[in-house]
Amino acid sequence: MYVSVFAQQKQYGLQDVIQLAKDQSPFSKQAETRKENRYWQYRVFRSNYNPQLRLNGTVPAYSKSVSQAPQQDGSFRYTPIEQSNNNLNLGFVQPISFTGGSVSVNSSLQFFRNYNPSDPIFAEQWGGTLLNLRLDQPIFAFNGFRWDRKTEPLRYEESKRSYVEEMESISAVAVNRFFNVLDAQIGLQIAQFNQANNDTIYKIEEGRYNIGTTTKDKLLQAELQLLRSRQDVTQAKINLQIARLQMRSYLGLRDGEDFDLVLPESIPPLYVTVEEALQFAKDYRSDFLAFERRKIEADREVAIARGSRFQMNLIGTFGLNNNGFVLSDIYQDPTQQQTFSLGFNMPILDWGRNQARMQTAIANKKLNDYVIAQDEVDFEQEVITLVRQFEVLLSQIEITKKSDEVAQERYLVSQNRYLIGKIDITNLNIALNEKDTAKRSYLNALRSFWTAYYDLRRLTLYDFSNRRLLYTPED
């Protein structure tokens, strides 16, 4: 039985450490920030399909200079120019997502003032467009709006699931840091226990040597064992200090308070089948959404290459505009303003460039499909392997725990037999080493189980112990 030397210190269980890691570790803060960034990126995507009302212009716009003006006789005349030319435009733009074009409604106003006019009647002039309707429509072009509707919701849903997976990864790392400290803590307890026992053994051997019932070499062996145990205690203290600092840094603990960890011997009830684990992984794991998104993105690249073969753009406008010397003139009998154009860019001879671009995109899509198929197989194999390990891990815990109890009892028996002279110090040391090895094997079995437990949660986003989902699409 090991007696904790940290009885007055604060104690943390495994779940306490995991919760601290999720609540306040720098890595959890980074995960939360990434989640927030992805949310706002998704909001930007959504806003691309909404109408935009924009106001732009240049007010005021004043300039004063001396300009060189050529005359009919070939000479130049330097004329001072002082004027302002202000403009203001109010526009409403609505993207047309299913065609990739846009329609806009605009209204603009211009005001020009010449401070040194040759004719005072032209000192001030107003101009404006009361209303302008404009259609911009690419034809046979790549429609980014349509493809973004396919990929961006998947990307956002993927990011939400990735956040849960990151938190489970943080839990797995916390488990590793926890057991590093626990291993060092128990290592120190073992070293101190062994030092106390070796000190007792040395005193016994010294007494026996003084009365002539033991030899000098056995006394020296006991002394050497005592010196080694003291060195082990010193090294164990250093190992514990390092492990604590590493865990404190990971958890984001700022205070210098020491703590003691409690061995997590309570194993949660766990029933996992390969079929169930695979189904949860396929339904909720972000990787499977990523597989679908990557396939769509490969198709998108093919569509980009196809849309780049030739370009055609239709632009049509209709509006009413006018000008005058006063503002009210603009609104009296405005004239129509109409434009229509169909621009195109079509290669006649490109030496196979468009075909090469298209075939490259198709080849990349095939390669992407093969890579995704292999990734799916690898992921399923990872889940299957992990699930099948649990039966072995649970068996290891049971066996190593029993071995720890047996080794502890055997050491006590060997110690008593040594005290009455039935065995020598060599056999006692063998029992001591077996006791320490059994304790560490039990600790390693617990570490392996809890690491696999949180790995399974990360891979499936399901808590098989409490039978609940770690993530729902509404999160």
Protein backbone atom coordinates (compact mmCIF):
# COMPACT_ATOMS: atom_id res chain seq x y z
CA MET A 1 0.00 0.00 0.00
CA TYR A 2 1.43 3.36 -1.07
CA VAL A 3 0.83 6.31 1.22
CA SER A 4 0.66 9.66 -0.59
CA VAL A 5 3.22 12.17 0.54
CA PHE A 6 1.02 14.96 -0.86
CA ALA A 7 -1.95 14.44 1.43
CA GLN A 8 -2.38 18.16 2.18
CA GLN A 9 -2.20 19.23 -1.46
CA LYS A 10 -5.08 19.84 -3.82
CA GLN A 11 -6.19 16.70 -5.60
CA TYR A 12 -7.30 16.37 -9.22
CA GLY A 13 -8.97 13.40 -10.86
CA LEU A 14 -8.69 12.63 -14.56
CA GLN A 15 -12.02 14.28 -15.37
CA ASP A 16 -10.98 17.40 -13.42
CA VAL A 17 -7.84 17.76 -15.53
CA ILE A 18 -9.77 17.18 -18.78
CA GLN A 19 -12.35 19.79 -17.84
CA LEU A 20 -9.62 22.30 -16.96
CA ALA A 21 -8.01 21.66 -20.36
CA LYS A 22 -11.31 22.27 -22.15
CA ASP A 23 -12.20 25.36 -20.12
CA GLN A 24 -9.00 27.34 -19.88
CA SER A 25 -6.08 25.83 -21.77
CA PRO A 26 -4.50 27.98 -24.52
CA PHE A 27 -5.32 25.23 -27.00
CA SER A 28 -9.04 25.31 -26.16
CA LYS A 29 -9.01 29.10 -26.61
CA GLN A 30 -7.37 28.64 -30.00
CA ALA A 31 -10.03 26.10 -30.98
CA GLU A 32 -12.82 28.46 -29.91
CA THR A 33 -11.24 31.30 -31.90
CA ARG A 34 -10.96 29.11 -35.01
CA LYS A 35 -14.62 28.16 -34.59
CA GLU A 36 -15.59 31.82 -34.35
CA ASN A 37 -13.52 32.71 -37.42
CA ARG A 38 -15.20 29.97 -39.44
CA TYR A 39 -18.60 31.22 -38.34
CA TRP A 40 -17.87 34.73 -39.62
CA GLN A 41 -16.44 33.33 -42.84
CA TYR A 42 -19.74 31.54 -43.33
CA ARG A 43 -21.60 34.80 -42.65
CA VAL A 44 -19.51 36.47 -45.36
CA PHE A 45 -20.52 33.70 -47.78
CA ARG A 46 -24.21 34.15 -46.94
CA SER A 47 -23.97 37.90 -47.41
CA ASN A 48 -22.69 37.43 -50.98
CA TYR A 49 -26.22 36.40 -52.02
CA ASN A 50 -27.97 39.32 -50.36
CA PRO A 51 -28.59 42.70 -51.99
CA GLN A 52 -26.06 45.42 -51.29
CA LEU A 53 -26.92 49.10 -50.97
CA ARG A 54 -23.87 51.27 -51.47
CA LEU A 55 -23.16 54.97 -51.44
CA ASN A 56 -19.96 56.25 -53.04
CA GLY A 57 -18.69 59.49 -54.42
CA THR A 58 -16.17 62.30 -54.16
CA VAL A 59 -17.33 65.20 -52.01
CA PRO A 60 -15.66 67.66 -51.94
CA ALA A 61 -13.36 67.61 -54.99
CA TYR A 62 -11.58 70.95 -55.32
CA SER A 63 -8.59 71.84 -57.49
CA LYS A 64 -6.65 75.04 -58.25
CA SER A 65 -3.79 75.26 -60.74
CA VAL A 66 -2.34 77.12 -63.72
CA SER A 67 -2.81 75.36 -67.05
CA GLN A 68 -0.87 75.83 -70.29
CA ALA A 69 -3.25 76.32 -73.24
CA PRO A 70 -1.92 76.39 -76.89
CA GLN A 71 -3.11 79.28 -79.08
CA GLN A 72 -3.85 79.35 -82.82
CA ASP A 73 -0.63 81.22 -83.58
CA GLY A 74 1.42 78.52 -81.86
CA SER A 75 1.99 80.40 -78.68
CA PHE A 76 0.84 79.37 -75.23
CA ARG A 77 -1.36 81.04 -72.76
CA TYR A 78 -1.23 80.31 -69.05
CA THR A 79 -4.70 80.30 -67.56
CA PRO A 80 -5.52 80.00 -63.87
CA ILE A 81 -8.05 77.23 -63.18
CA GLU A 82 -10.04 76.93 -59.98
CA GLN A 83 -12.92 74.51 -59.91
CA SER A 84 -14.71 71.77 -58.01
CA ASN A 85 -16.22 68.63 -59.49
CA ASN A 86 -18.31 66.64 -57.00
CA ASN A 87 -20.21 63.42 -57.57
CA LEU A 88 -22.38 61.11 -55.54
CA ASN A 89 -23.80 57.69 -56.47
CA LEU A 90 -26.36 55.51 -54.68
CA GLY A 91 -26.53 51.95 -55.96
CA PHE A 92 -28.48 48.79 -55.18
CA VAL A 93 -26.91 45.52 -56.42
CA GLN A 94 -28.50 42.07 -56.34
CA PRO A 95 -26.49 39.01 -57.43
CA ILE A 96 -28.36 36.41 -59.50
CA SER A 97 -26.97 33.23 -58.01
CA PHE A 98 -28.52 30.72 -60.43
CA THR A 99 -27.07 32.51 -63.50
CA GLY A 100 -23.93 34.07 -62.04
CA GLY A 101 -24.91 37.56 -63.13
CA SER A 102 -26.11 40.66 -61.29
CA VAL A 103 -28.75 43.34 -61.62
CA SER A 104 -28.31 46.82 -60.20
CA VAL A 105 -30.26 50.02 -59.77
CA ASN A 106 -28.29 53.26 -59.53
CA SER A 107 -28.90 56.95 -59.12
CA SER A 108 -26.14 59.55 -59.39
CA LEU A 109 -25.67 63.28 -59.06
CA GLN A 110 -22.81 65.53 -60.26
CA PHE A 111 -22.11 69.19 -59.51
CA PHE A 112 -19.45 71.23 -61.29
CA ARG A 113 -18.35 74.76 -60.35
CA ASN A 114 -15.84 76.93 -62.20
CA TYR A 115 -14.54 79.79 -60.05
CA ASN A 116 -12.97 81.61 -63.03
CA PRO A 117 -15.49 81.14 -65.88
CA SER A 118 -15.12 82.84 -69.24
CA ASP A 119 -18.93 82.89 -69.39
CA PRO A 120 -20.69 83.33 -66.01
CA ILE A 121 -23.69 81.33 -67.17
CA PHE A 122 -21.51 78.20 -67.15
CA ALA A 123 -20.09 78.85 -63.70
CA GLU A 124 -22.26 76.13 -62.17
CA GLN A 125 -23.65 73.03 -63.81
CA TRP A 126 -25.60 70.04 -62.52
CA GLY A 127 -25.87 66.60 -64.01
CA GLY A 128 -27.41 63.40 -62.88
CA THR A 129 -28.93 60.04 -63.62
CA LEU A 130 -32.34 59.75 -62.04
CA LEU A 131 -32.52 56.02 -62.56
CA ASN A 132 -30.27 53.45 -64.17
CA LEU A 133 -31.07 49.75 -64.47
CA ARG A 134 -28.13 47.52 -65.37
CA LEU A 135 -27.81 43.82 -66.11
CA ASP A 136 -24.42 42.06 -66.18
CA GLN A 137 -24.69 38.45 -67.30
CA PRO A 138 -21.78 36.16 -68.19
CA ILE A 139 -22.76 33.49 -70.71
CA PHE A 140 -21.32 29.94 -70.64
CA ALA A 141 -19.02 31.09 -67.84
CA PHE A 142 -18.14 29.48 -64.53
CA ASN A 143 -20.81 30.32 -61.92
CA GLY A 144 -19.04 30.67 -58.58
CA PHE A 145 -22.29 31.41 -56.75
CA ARG A 146 -23.76 28.03 -57.66
CA TRP A 147 -20.65 26.10 -56.63
CA ASP A 148 -20.24 28.05 -53.37
CA ARG A 149 -23.76 26.99 -52.41
CA LYS A 150 -22.56 23.40 -52.59
CA THR A 151 -19.25 23.70 -50.77
CA GLU A 152 -19.57 26.48 -48.18
CA PRO A 153 -22.42 24.95 -46.11
CA LEU A 154 -20.42 21.71 -46.04
CA ARG A 155 -17.30 23.61 -45.02
CA TYR A 156 -19.16 25.37 -42.20
CA GLU A 157 -20.75 22.16 -40.94
CA GLU A 158 -17.34 20.53 -41.16
CA SER A 159 -15.84 23.32 -39.05
CA LYS A 160 -18.43 22.84 -36.29
CA ARG A 161 -17.68 19.14 -36.11
CA SER A 162 -13.96 19.82 -36.25
CA TYR A 163 -14.33 21.99 -33.15
CA VAL A 164 -15.80 19.08 -31.19
CA GLU A 165 -13.03 16.84 -32.49
CA GLU A 166 -10.42 19.40 -31.42
CA MET A 167 -11.88 19.42 -27.92
CA GLU A 168 -11.68 15.63 -27.80
CA SER A 169 -8.09 15.83 -29.04
CA ILE A 170 -7.41 18.26 -26.19
CA SER A 171 -8.91 15.68 -23.84
CA ALA A 172 -6.60 12.98 -25.22
CA VAL A 173 -3.54 15.19 -24.76
CA ALA A 174 -4.73 16.06 -21.25
CA VAL A 175 -4.96 12.32 -20.52
CA ASN A 176 -1.36 11.91 -21.64
CA ARG A 177 -0.16 14.86 -19.52
CA PHE A 178 -2.20 13.55 -16.58
CA PHE A 179 -0.57 10.12 -16.73
CA ASN A 180 2.87 11.67 -17.20
CA VAL A 181 2.42 13.44 -13.87
CA LEU A 182 0.79 10.41 -12.28
CA ASP A 183 3.61 8.19 -13.48
CA ALA A 184 6.15 10.59 -12.00
CA GLN A 185 4.09 10.93 -8.81
CA ILE A 186 3.85 7.17 -8.31
CA GLY A 187 7.49 6.87 -9.32
CA LEU A 188 8.38 9.20 -6.45
CA GLN A 189 6.18 7.25 -4.05
CA ILE A 190 7.86 4.00 -5.12
CA ALA A 191 11.32 5.55 -4.80
CA GLN A 192 10.58 6.90 -1.31
CA PHE A 193 9.02 3.61 -0.25
CA ASN A 194 12.04 1.71 -1.54
CA GLN A 195 14.43 4.11 0.13
CA ALA A 196 12.74 3.59 3.49
CA ASN A 197 12.83 -0.18 3.05
CA ASN A 198 16.43 -0.19 1.86
CA ASP A 199 17.41 1.92 4.83
CA THR A 200 15.79 -0.66 7.11
CA ILE A 201 17.45 -3.53 5.25
CA TYR A 202 20.85 -1.83 5.49
CA LYS A 203 20.46 -1.42 9.24
CA ILE A 204 19.46 -5.06 9.57
CA GLU A 205 22.42 -6.23 7.48
CA GLU A 206 24.71 -3.97 9.48
CA GLY A 207 23.46 -5.51 12.72
CA ARG A 208 23.85 -9.02 11.35
CA TYR A 209 27.35 -8.23 10.14
CA ASN A 210 28.32 -6.94 13.56
CA ILE A 211 27.26 -10.21 15.16
CA GLY A 212 28.81 -12.28 12.39
CA THR A 213 25.64 -13.74 10.85
CA THR A 214 26.12 -12.19 7.39
CA THR A 215 29.02 -11.44 5.09
CA LYS A 216 30.70 -8.20 4.09
CA ASP A 217 29.55 -8.46 0.48
CA LYS A 218 25.88 -8.64 1.53
CA LEU A 219 26.35 -5.57 3.73
CA LEU A 220 27.94 -3.70 0.81
CA GLN A 221 25.13 -4.87 -1.47
CA ALA A 222 22.57 -3.44 0.96
CA GLU A 223 24.52 -0.18 1.19
CA LEU A 224 24.76 0.09 -2.58
CA GLN A 225 21.04 -0.56 -2.88
CA LEU A 226 20.39 2.22 -0.33
CA LEU A 227 22.56 4.67 -2.26
CA ARG A 228 20.79 3.83 -5.51
CA SER A 229 17.41 4.32 -3.89
CA ARG A 230 18.45 7.76 -2.66
CA GLN A 231 19.54 8.64 -6.17
CA ASP A 232 16.21 7.33 -7.48
CA VAL A 233 14.34 9.61 -5.08
CA THR A 234 16.29 12.65 -6.29
CA GLN A 235 15.65 11.78 -9.95
CA ALA A 236 11.96 11.04 -9.25
CA LYS A 237 11.52 14.48 -7.70
CA ILE A 238 13.02 16.10 -10.80
CA ASN A 239 10.81 14.00 -13.10
CA LEU A 240 7.72 14.98 -11.11
CA GLN A 241 8.61 18.65 -11.20
CA ILE A 242 9.09 18.57 -14.99
CA ALA A 243 5.86 16.64 -15.58
CA ARG A 244 3.91 19.05 -13.39
CA LEU A 245 5.30 22.07 -15.19
CA GLN A 246 4.37 20.57 -18.55
CA MET A 247 0.83 19.79 -17.41
CA ARG A 248 0.47 23.21 -15.75
CA SER A 249 1.56 24.87 -19.01
CA TYR A 250 -0.89 22.82 -21.07
CA LEU A 251 -3.81 23.49 -18.73
CA GLY A 252 -3.03 27.19 -18.48
CA LEU A 253 -2.62 27.09 -14.68
CA ARG A 254 -1.02 30.32 -13.50
CA ASP A 255 -0.74 29.79 -9.77
CA GLY A 256 2.15 27.91 -8.20
CA GLU A 257 -0.04 25.64 -6.08
CA ASP A 258 1.09 22.02 -5.97
CA PHE A 259 -1.41 19.30 -6.69
CA ASP A 260 -1.80 15.58 -6.29
CA LEU A 261 -3.43 13.32 -8.91
CA VAL A 262 -5.83 10.50 -8.13
CA LEU A 263 -5.47 7.20 -9.97
CA PRO A 264 -8.51 6.79 -12.32
CA GLU A 265 -9.30 3.17 -11.49
CA SER A 266 -13.05 3.50 -12.09
CA ILE A 267 -13.57 2.26 -15.65
CA PRO A 268 -16.82 3.48 -17.28
CA PRO A 269 -19.26 0.90 -18.63
CA LEU A 270 -18.48 0.46 -22.29
CA TYR A 271 -20.16 -1.54 -25.02
CA VAL A 272 -18.91 -0.84 -28.52
CA THR A 273 -19.48 -2.73 -31.75
CA VAL A 274 -17.57 -2.13 -34.96
CA GLU A 275 -20.76 -1.57 -36.94
CA GLU A 276 -22.09 1.01 -34.50
CA ALA A 277 -18.80 2.88 -34.27
CA LEU A 278 -18.45 3.03 -38.06
CA GLN A 279 -22.00 4.30 -38.46
CA PHE A 280 -21.48 7.10 -35.94
CA ALA A 281 -18.18 8.01 -37.59
CA LYS A 282 -19.80 8.23 -41.04
CA ASP A 283 -22.78 10.21 -39.75
CA TYR A 284 -20.98 12.76 -37.59
CA ARG A 285 -17.23 12.77 -38.24
CA SER A 286 -16.00 15.88 -40.11
CA ASP A 287 -13.74 13.76 -42.31
CA PHE A 288 -16.68 12.23 -44.13
CA LEU A 289 -18.07 15.68 -44.86
CA ALA A 290 -14.59 16.65 -46.03
CA PHE A 291 -14.58 13.68 -48.43
CA GLU A 292 -17.81 14.94 -49.99
CA ARG A 293 -16.54 18.53 -50.12
CA ARG A 294 -13.27 17.49 -51.76
CA LYS A 295 -15.18 15.64 -54.49
CA ILE A 296 -17.30 18.72 -55.17
CA GLU A 297 -14.21 20.94 -55.23
CA ALA A 298 -12.63 18.64 -57.82
CA ASP A 299 -15.78 18.95 -59.94
CA ARG A 300 -15.57 22.71 -59.42
CA GLU A 301 -12.07 22.81 -60.92
CA VAL A 302 -13.36 20.95 -63.97
CA ALA A 303 -16.16 23.50 -64.29
CA ILE A 304 -13.64 26.37 -64.02
CA ALA A 305 -11.55 24.85 -66.81
CA ARG A 306 -14.65 24.33 -68.97
CA GLY A 307 -15.84 27.89 -68.37
CA SER A 308 -12.44 29.32 -69.33
CA ARG A 309 -12.51 27.98 -72.88
CA PHE A 310 -14.29 31.07 -74.19
CA GLN A 311 -15.88 34.06 -72.50
CA MET A 312 -19.01 36.00 -73.35
CA ASN A 313 -20.59 38.78 -71.33
CA LEU A 314 -23.96 40.48 -71.86
CA ILE A 315 -24.41 44.03 -70.53
CA GLY A 316 -27.63 45.98 -70.85
CA THR A 317 -28.68 49.26 -69.24
CA PHE A 318 -31.69 51.54 -69.29
CA GLY A 319 -31.92 54.84 -67.51
CA LEU A 320 -33.00 58.45 -67.38
CA ASN A 321 -30.53 61.30 -67.10
CA ASN A 322 -30.34 65.04 -67.59
CA ASN A 323 -28.27 68.14 -66.87
CA GLY A 324 -28.86 71.82 -66.19
CA PHE A 325 -27.67 74.97 -64.52
CA VAL A 326 -29.75 74.39 -61.38
CA LEU A 327 -30.60 71.21 -59.52
CA SER A 328 -34.28 71.26 -60.50
CA ASP A 329 -33.38 71.12 -64.20
CA ILE A 330 -32.27 67.51 -63.82
CA TYR A 331 -35.79 66.34 -62.98
CA GLN A 332 -37.54 68.12 -65.88
CA ASP A 333 -38.01 65.99 -69.00
CA PRO A 334 -35.04 63.64 -68.49
CA THR A 335 -33.79 61.82 -71.56
CA GLN A 336 -33.48 58.08 -71.97
CA GLN A 337 -30.13 56.43 -71.54
CA GLN A 338 -29.79 52.98 -73.08
CA THR A 339 -26.87 50.68 -73.81
CA PHE A 340 -26.60 47.08 -74.95
CA SER A 341 -23.42 45.13 -75.56
CA LEU A 342 -22.38 41.55 -76.00
CA GLY A 343 -18.67 41.06 -75.53
CA PHE A 344 -16.83 37.83 -76.26
CA ASN A 345 -13.34 36.41 -76.05
CA MET A 346 -12.91 33.25 -78.08
CA PRO A 347 -9.55 31.65 -78.92
CA ILE A 348 -9.09 30.74 -82.56
CA LEU A 349 -5.73 29.05 -82.25
CA ASP A 350 -4.31 28.25 -78.80
CA TRP A 351 -2.16 25.20 -79.65
CA GLY A 352 -4.21 22.93 -77.41
CA ARG A 353 -3.96 25.11 -74.31
CA ASN A 354 -7.66 24.90 -73.40
CA GLN A 355 -7.72 21.16 -74.02
CA ALA A 356 -4.64 20.69 -71.82
CA ARG A 357 -6.22 22.76 -69.06
CA MET A 358 -9.42 20.73 -69.28
CA GLN A 359 -7.64 17.36 -69.28
CA THR A 360 -5.48 18.44 -66.35
CA ALA A 361 -8.60 19.24 -64.31
CA ILE A 362 -10.15 15.88 -65.25
CA ALA A 363 -6.97 14.01 -64.32
CA ASN A 364 -6.79 15.84 -60.99
CA LYS A 365 -10.40 14.88 -60.32
CA LYS A 366 -9.60 11.21 -60.94
CA LEU A 367 -6.57 11.41 -58.67
CA ASN A 368 -8.65 13.14 -56.01
CA ASP A 369 -11.27 10.36 -56.21
CA TYR A 370 -8.60 7.70 -55.74
CA VAL A 371 -7.04 9.56 -52.78
CA ILE A 372 -10.44 10.03 -51.12
CA ALA A 373 -11.29 6.34 -51.61
CA GLN A 374 -8.03 5.38 -49.90
CA ASP A 375 -8.61 7.92 -47.12
CA GLU A 376 -12.04 6.42 -46.49
CA VAL A 377 -10.55 2.93 -46.23
CA ASP A 378 -7.78 4.13 -43.90
CA PHE A 379 -10.27 5.97 -41.69
CA GLU A 380 -12.59 2.97 -41.43
CA GLN A 381 -9.63 0.76 -40.61
CA GLU A 382 -8.56 3.14 -37.86
CA VAL A 383 -12.00 2.95 -36.26
CA ILE A 384 -12.18 -0.84 -36.60
CA THR A 385 -8.72 -1.34 -35.10
CA LEU A 386 -9.46 0.94 -32.17
CA VAL A 387 -12.78 -0.72 -31.35
CA ARG A 388 -11.22 -4.18 -31.42
CA GLN A 389 -8.49 -3.00 -29.04
CA PHE A 390 -10.94 -2.26 -26.25
CA GLU A 391 -11.55 -5.88 -25.32
CA VAL A 392 -7.78 -6.38 -25.03
CA LEU A 393 -7.34 -3.14 -23.08
CA LEU A 394 -10.02 -4.05 -20.57
CA SER A 395 -8.43 -7.47 -20.15
CA GLN A 396 -5.02 -5.85 -19.62
CA ILE A 397 -6.39 -3.63 -16.87
CA GLU A 398 -7.88 -6.61 -15.08
CA ILE A 399 -4.72 -8.69 -15.40
CA THR A 400 -2.26 -5.94 -14.47
CA LYS A 401 -4.38 -4.89 -11.50
CA LYS A 402 -4.40 -8.44 -10.19
CA SER A 403 -0.66 -8.72 -10.90
CA ASP A 404 -0.06 -5.52 -8.93
CA GLU A 405 -1.95 -6.94 -5.94
CA VAL A 406 -0.11 -10.27 -6.16
CA ALA A 407 3.29 -8.63 -6.52
CA GLN A 408 2.58 -6.39 -3.54
CA GLU A 409 1.56 -9.34 -1.41
CA ARG A 410 4.57 -11.37 -2.59
CA TYR A 411 6.91 -8.57 -1.59
CA LEU A 412 5.42 -8.41 1.90
CA VAL A 413 5.84 -12.17 2.25
CA SER A 414 9.43 -11.96 0.99
CA GLN A 415 10.13 -9.09 3.35
CA ASN A 416 8.90 -11.10 6.33
CA ARG A 417 10.93 -14.13 5.23
CA TYR A 418 14.00 -11.92 4.88
CA LEU A 419 13.52 -10.56 8.40
CA ILE A 420 13.53 -14.09 9.84
CA GLY A 421 16.48 -15.10 7.65
CA LYS A 422 14.68 -17.50 5.31
CA ILE A 423 15.82 -15.69 2.12
CA ASP A 424 18.75 -13.44 1.30
CA ILE A 425 18.81 -9.84 0.13
CA THR A 426 19.06 -10.83 -3.57
CA ASN A 427 15.72 -12.62 -3.55
CA LEU A 428 14.19 -9.72 -1.64
CA ASN A 429 15.39 -7.28 -4.32
CA ILE A 430 13.88 -9.49 -7.01
CA ALA A 431 10.51 -9.30 -5.25
CA LEU A 432 10.94 -5.53 -4.89
CA ASN A 433 11.61 -5.06 -8.61
CA GLU A 434 8.64 -7.25 -9.55
CA LYS A 435 6.44 -5.17 -7.25
CA ASP A 436 7.54 -1.92 -8.94
CA THR A 437 7.18 -3.36 -12.44
CA ALA A 438 3.68 -4.63 -11.71
CA LYS A 439 2.62 -1.20 -10.42
CA ARG A 440 3.93 0.54 -13.55
CA SER A 441 2.31 -2.05 -15.84
CA TYR A 442 -1.05 -1.37 -14.20
CA LEU A 443 -0.55 2.36 -14.65
CA ASN A 444 0.36 1.90 -18.33
CA ALA A 445 -2.74 -0.24 -18.89
CA LEU A 446 -4.91 2.53 -17.46
CA ARG A 447 -3.14 5.09 -19.66
CA SER A 448 -3.73 2.97 -22.78
CA PHE A 449 -7.41 2.55 -22.00
CA TRP A 450 -8.16 6.22 -21.33
CA THR A 451 -6.17 7.33 -24.37
CA ALA A 452 -8.09 4.91 -26.59
CA TYR A 453 -11.36 5.97 -24.95
CA TYR A 454 -10.96 9.61 -25.93
CA ASP A 455 -9.57 8.67 -29.34
CA LEU A 456 -12.77 6.74 -29.97
CA ARG A 457 -14.85 9.73 -28.91
CA ARG A 458 -12.88 11.91 -31.31
CA LEU A 459 -13.25 9.48 -34.20
CA THR A 460 -17.00 8.93 -33.78
CA LEU A 461 -18.21 12.06 -31.92
CA TYR A 462 -20.15 9.70 -29.68
CA ASP A 463 -19.87 8.96 -25.97
CA PHE A 464 -20.33 5.18 -25.73
CA SER A 465 -20.20 5.28 -21.94
CA ASN A 466 -23.18 7.61 -21.49
CA ARG A 467 -24.75 6.68 -24.85
CA ARG A 468 -25.06 10.22 -26.17
CA LEU A 469 -23.88 12.24 -29.14
CA LEU A 470 -21.08 14.72 -28.57
CA TYR A 471 -22.35 16.86 -31.44
CA THR A 472 -25.69 17.55 -33.07
CA PRO A 473 -26.19 19.54 -36.28
CA GLU A 474 -28.02 22.25 -34.33
CA ASP A 475 -24.90 23.11 -32.29
